[in-house]
């Protein structure tokens, strides 16, 4: 299994363009915003402290959806799955190794973003960072499922790449990465609360800004748990290893 995991990491690395933009974009944004000294005024704290949890959540989403949808759809294009079926390799092991490789990549990116924010730009974190990584794993599960849904429904890697962008981009601007969702019209604000990125950002901000324990984030965890279940069921229906 270790050899299969290493092979999956190498396969992921070969798609360098998609991998670069999925991983580098949040880090570049973190560096650019870190060069400015925005604050909320009064005792509300620095804008960068507010922004960092949003960028961490966005990074998990970008790596999980972008790097999964395009790569898996590409495997379908090259009929890699059909070739695997005539080998002794179990399809579940192959998919498991692919998921593990992307989970490791997402965790590494979370560590890099936190390192950039806290070490280079002095971001203040009040809570236990272990819970941030736990939330990253939960978010990774949701967004990986969405990536498999897109790959299963896409006819080519190019179509999957476009669908992944159309899926992630609205969430980046609506789910509160850069600004609180309170400024949205009420109907939109209620709706975006149920997008998968929104509760992930809110939970990470609760830990990093307010020092909350993960046990105090019941509403956010409930929505995330619902997304884990629903996205898994949809991914199971949308993606088939035997598809050409």
Protein backbone atom coordinates (compact mmCIF):
# COMPACT_ATOMS: atom_id res chain seq x y z
CA UNK A 1 0.00 0.00 0.00
CA UNK A 2 2.90 2.35 0.72
CA UNK A 3 4.26 1.84 -2.79
CA UNK A 4 0.83 2.58 -4.23
CA UNK A 5 0.61 5.75 -2.15
CA UNK A 6 4.03 6.91 -3.38
CA UNK A 7 2.99 6.16 -6.96
CA UNK A 8 -0.19 8.21 -6.44
CA UNK A 9 1.87 11.14 -5.15
CA UNK A 10 4.03 10.94 -8.28
CA UNK A 11 0.94 10.84 -10.50
CA UNK A 12 -0.41 13.88 -8.70
CA UNK A 13 2.89 15.71 -9.16
CA UNK A 14 2.87 15.09 -12.94
CA UNK A 15 -0.16 17.36 -13.35
CA UNK A 16 2.03 20.30 -12.41
CA UNK A 17 -0.03 23.16 -13.79
CA UNK A 18 -3.25 22.23 -12.00
CA UNK A 19 -1.30 21.32 -8.88
CA UNK A 20 0.55 24.64 -8.86
CA UNK A 21 -2.54 26.81 -9.11
CA UNK A 22 -4.52 24.72 -6.64
CA UNK A 23 -1.77 24.89 -4.01
CA UNK A 24 0.02 28.15 -4.77
CA UNK A 25 -2.92 30.54 -5.20
CA UNK A 26 -3.95 30.64 -1.50
CA UNK A 27 -0.31 30.99 -0.42
CA UNK A 28 0.28 33.84 -2.88
CA UNK A 29 -2.85 35.61 -1.61
CA UNK A 30 -1.69 35.08 1.99
CA UNK A 31 1.66 36.71 1.19
CA UNK A 32 0.14 39.65 -0.72
CA UNK A 33 -2.40 40.48 2.00
CA UNK A 34 0.25 39.98 4.64
CA UNK A 35 2.20 42.92 3.18
CA UNK A 36 -0.64 45.28 4.10
CA UNK A 37 -1.56 46.31 7.63
CA UNK A 38 -5.34 46.36 7.49
CA UNK A 39 -7.37 46.37 10.68
CA UNK A 40 -11.04 46.44 11.59
CA UNK A 41 -10.61 49.42 13.83
CA UNK A 42 -11.12 49.56 17.57
CA UNK A 43 -10.75 46.24 19.33
CA UNK A 44 -11.91 44.08 16.44
CA UNK A 45 -8.40 43.04 15.51
CA UNK A 46 -6.39 42.81 12.33
CA UNK A 47 -7.98 41.95 9.03
CA UNK A 48 -5.20 39.42 8.38
CA UNK A 49 -6.22 37.43 11.48
CA UNK A 50 -9.75 37.31 10.05
CA UNK A 51 -8.51 36.42 6.55
CA UNK A 52 -6.12 33.57 7.38
CA UNK A 53 -8.75 30.95 8.40
CA UNK A 54 -10.64 31.72 5.19
CA UNK A 55 -7.51 31.17 3.11
CA UNK A 56 -6.78 27.90 4.92
CA UNK A 57 -10.29 26.62 4.15
CA UNK A 58 -10.04 27.87 0.57
CA UNK A 59 -6.74 26.05 0.17
CA UNK A 60 -8.28 22.76 1.31
CA UNK A 61 -11.11 23.24 -1.18
CA UNK A 62 -8.85 24.18 -4.10
CA UNK A 63 -6.50 21.23 -3.64
CA UNK A 64 -9.27 18.72 -3.04
CA UNK A 65 -11.64 19.69 -5.84
CA UNK A 66 -9.25 21.06 -8.45
CA UNK A 67 -6.51 18.45 -8.17
CA UNK A 68 -9.05 15.60 -7.98
CA UNK A 69 -11.57 16.44 -10.68
CA UNK A 70 -9.03 17.17 -13.41
CA UNK A 71 -6.71 14.25 -12.60
CA UNK A 72 -9.44 11.61 -12.25
CA UNK A 73 -11.15 12.78 -15.44
CA UNK A 74 -7.76 12.58 -17.13
CA UNK A 75 -7.36 8.99 -15.97
CA UNK A 76 -10.72 8.23 -17.58
CA UNK A 77 -9.58 9.86 -20.83
CA UNK A 78 -6.45 7.69 -20.91
CA UNK A 79 -8.43 4.56 -19.93
CA UNK A 80 -6.20 3.97 -16.94
CA UNK A 81 -9.10 2.52 -14.96
CA UNK A 82 -9.82 -0.10 -17.61
CA UNK A 83 -6.18 -1.14 -17.61
CA UNK A 84 -6.20 -1.50 -13.83
CA UNK A 85 -9.19 -3.82 -14.02
CA UNK A 86 -7.12 -6.45 -15.85
CA UNK A 87 -4.39 -6.35 -13.19
CA UNK A 88 -4.38 -7.89 -9.68
CA UNK A 89 -4.69 -4.38 -8.19
CA UNK A 90 -8.01 -3.86 -6.42
CA UNK A 91 -9.80 -0.70 -7.63
CA UNK A 92 -10.59 0.29 -4.03
CA UNK A 93 -6.88 0.29 -3.18
CA UNK A 94 -6.09 2.52 -6.15
CA UNK A 95 -8.81 5.01 -5.21
CA UNK A 96 -7.75 4.84 -1.55
CA UNK A 97 -4.17 5.71 -2.47
CA UNK A 98 -5.38 8.62 -4.63
CA UNK A 99 -7.48 9.95 -1.74
CA UNK A 100 -4.61 9.55 0.74
CA UNK A 101 -2.22 11.43 -1.56
CA UNK A 102 -4.61 14.38 -1.80
CA UNK A 103 -5.26 14.34 1.93
CA UNK A 104 -1.52 14.59 2.62
CA UNK A 105 -1.24 17.42 0.09
CA UNK A 106 -4.10 19.32 1.74
CA UNK A 107 -2.59 18.89 5.23
CA UNK A 108 0.81 20.11 3.98
CA UNK A 109 -0.82 23.15 2.43
CA UNK A 110 -2.66 23.95 5.68
CA UNK A 111 0.68 23.81 7.50
CA UNK A 112 2.31 26.09 4.92
CA UNK A 113 -0.50 28.64 5.08
CA UNK A 114 -0.44 28.70 8.88
CA UNK A 115 3.34 28.99 8.81
CA UNK A 116 3.25 31.91 6.36
CA UNK A 117 0.53 33.67 8.33
CA UNK A 118 1.85 33.14 11.84
CA UNK A 119 5.63 33.22 11.34
CA UNK A 120 6.05 35.72 8.51
CA UNK A 121 3.14 38.05 9.22
CA UNK A 122 2.41 37.57 12.92
CA UNK A 123 -1.14 36.28 12.63
CA UNK A 124 -2.69 35.72 16.04
CA UNK A 125 -4.22 32.30 16.77
CA UNK A 126 -6.18 31.85 19.99
CA UNK A 127 -7.25 28.21 19.79
CA UNK A 128 -5.72 24.77 19.44
CA UNK A 129 -4.32 24.28 15.93
CA UNK A 130 -4.92 20.54 16.17
CA UNK A 131 -8.63 21.25 15.70
CA UNK A 132 -7.83 23.27 12.57
CA UNK A 133 -6.16 20.21 11.07
CA UNK A 134 -9.12 18.03 12.12
CA UNK A 135 -11.46 20.41 10.33
CA UNK A 136 -9.15 20.34 7.30
CA UNK A 137 -9.54 16.55 7.15
CA UNK A 138 -13.34 16.87 7.32
CA UNK A 139 -13.31 19.54 4.61
CA UNK A 140 -10.97 17.42 2.53
CA UNK A 141 -13.45 14.52 2.64
CA UNK A 142 -16.28 16.75 1.41
CA UNK A 143 -14.33 18.44 -1.37
CA UNK A 144 -12.75 15.17 -2.54
CA UNK A 145 -16.26 13.76 -2.92
CA UNK A 146 -17.25 16.83 -4.94
CA UNK A 147 -14.14 16.35 -7.07
CA UNK A 148 -15.17 12.75 -7.80
CA UNK A 149 -18.71 13.91 -8.63
CA UNK A 150 -17.32 16.39 -11.17
CA UNK A 151 -14.92 13.80 -12.63
CA UNK A 152 -17.71 11.25 -12.92
CA UNK A 153 -19.98 13.67 -14.77
CA UNK A 154 -17.30 15.20 -17.04
CA UNK A 155 -16.52 13.91 -20.52
CA UNK A 156 -12.90 15.09 -20.47
CA UNK A 157 -10.22 16.58 -18.23
CA UNK A 158 -10.81 20.00 -19.79
CA UNK A 159 -14.52 19.84 -18.98
CA UNK A 160 -13.72 18.74 -15.43
CA UNK A 161 -11.28 21.63 -15.00
CA UNK A 162 -13.92 24.13 -16.12
CA UNK A 163 -16.58 22.55 -13.89
CA UNK A 164 -14.21 22.60 -10.90
CA UNK A 165 -13.55 26.31 -11.45
CA UNK A 166 -17.26 27.08 -11.76
CA UNK A 167 -17.87 25.15 -8.54
CA UNK A 168 -15.13 26.69 -6.41
CA UNK A 169 -15.05 30.30 -7.61
CA UNK A 170 -18.55 31.32 -6.40
CA UNK A 171 -17.83 29.80 -2.98
CA UNK A 172 -14.59 31.77 -2.69
CA UNK A 173 -16.48 35.06 -2.98
CA UNK A 174 -19.78 34.11 -1.30
CA UNK A 175 -18.69 31.92 1.63
CA UNK A 176 -16.79 34.56 3.56
CA UNK A 177 -13.15 33.98 2.62
CA UNK A 178 -12.42 37.69 2.27
CA UNK A 179 -15.44 39.34 3.90
CA UNK A 180 -18.06 38.33 6.45
CA UNK A 181 -21.28 37.02 4.93
CA UNK A 182 -23.27 39.47 7.08
CA UNK A 183 -22.97 42.02 4.27
CA UNK A 184 -24.92 39.87 1.82
CA UNK A 185 -28.68 40.33 1.29
CA UNK A 186 -30.53 38.24 3.86
CA UNK A 187 -31.76 35.59 1.41
CA UNK A 188 -28.24 35.07 0.06
CA UNK A 189 -26.72 35.10 3.54
CA UNK A 190 -29.03 32.29 4.66
CA UNK A 191 -28.36 30.28 1.49
CA UNK A 192 -24.55 30.54 1.64
CA UNK A 193 -24.57 29.30 5.23
CA UNK A 194 -25.29 25.86 3.75
CA UNK A 195 -22.52 25.88 1.16
CA UNK A 196 -19.77 23.48 2.28
CA UNK A 197 -17.06 26.13 2.46
CA UNK A 198 -19.02 28.48 4.75
CA UNK A 199 -19.29 26.26 7.88
CA UNK A 200 -15.67 25.19 7.39
CA UNK A 201 -14.52 28.83 7.42
CA UNK A 202 -16.77 29.71 10.36
CA UNK A 203 -15.52 26.73 12.37
CA UNK A 204 -11.88 27.57 11.66
CA UNK A 205 -12.48 31.20 12.64
CA UNK A 206 -14.19 30.06 15.82
CA UNK A 207 -11.05 28.14 16.78
CA UNK A 208 -8.38 30.54 15.52
CA UNK A 209 -10.03 33.85 16.48
CA UNK A 210 -12.27 33.00 19.43
CA UNK A 211 -10.30 30.12 20.94
CA UNK A 212 -13.29 27.78 20.70
CA UNK A 213 -12.97 24.04 21.15
CA UNK A 214 -14.29 21.87 18.34
CA UNK A 215 -17.01 20.65 20.73
CA UNK A 216 -18.42 24.20 20.80
CA UNK A 217 -18.98 24.24 17.04
CA UNK A 218 -22.09 22.08 16.89
CA UNK A 219 -24.02 23.94 14.13
CA UNK A 220 -21.00 24.11 11.83
CA UNK A 221 -20.13 20.44 12.42
CA UNK A 222 -23.74 19.43 11.75
CA UNK A 223 -23.72 21.12 8.34
CA UNK A 224 -20.29 19.67 7.53
CA UNK A 225 -21.44 16.21 8.60
CA UNK A 226 -24.46 16.51 6.33
CA UNK A 227 -22.20 17.45 3.43
CA UNK A 228 -19.91 14.48 4.11
CA UNK A 229 -22.87 12.10 3.89
CA UNK A 230 -24.63 13.70 0.91
CA UNK A 231 -21.47 14.27 -1.13
CA UNK A 232 -20.36 10.67 -0.53
CA UNK A 233 -23.69 9.31 -1.75
CA UNK A 234 -23.63 11.55 -4.83
CA UNK A 235 -20.01 10.65 -5.57
CA UNK A 236 -20.88 6.96 -5.30
CA UNK A 237 -23.68 7.43 -7.83
CA UNK A 238 -21.73 9.70 -10.18
CA UNK A 239 -18.36 7.96 -10.34
CA UNK A 240 -17.82 4.41 -11.53
CA UNK A 241 -14.42 2.79 -11.80
CA UNK A 242 -15.56 0.86 -14.87
CA UNK A 243 -16.56 3.94 -16.86
CA UNK A 244 -14.56 4.65 -19.99
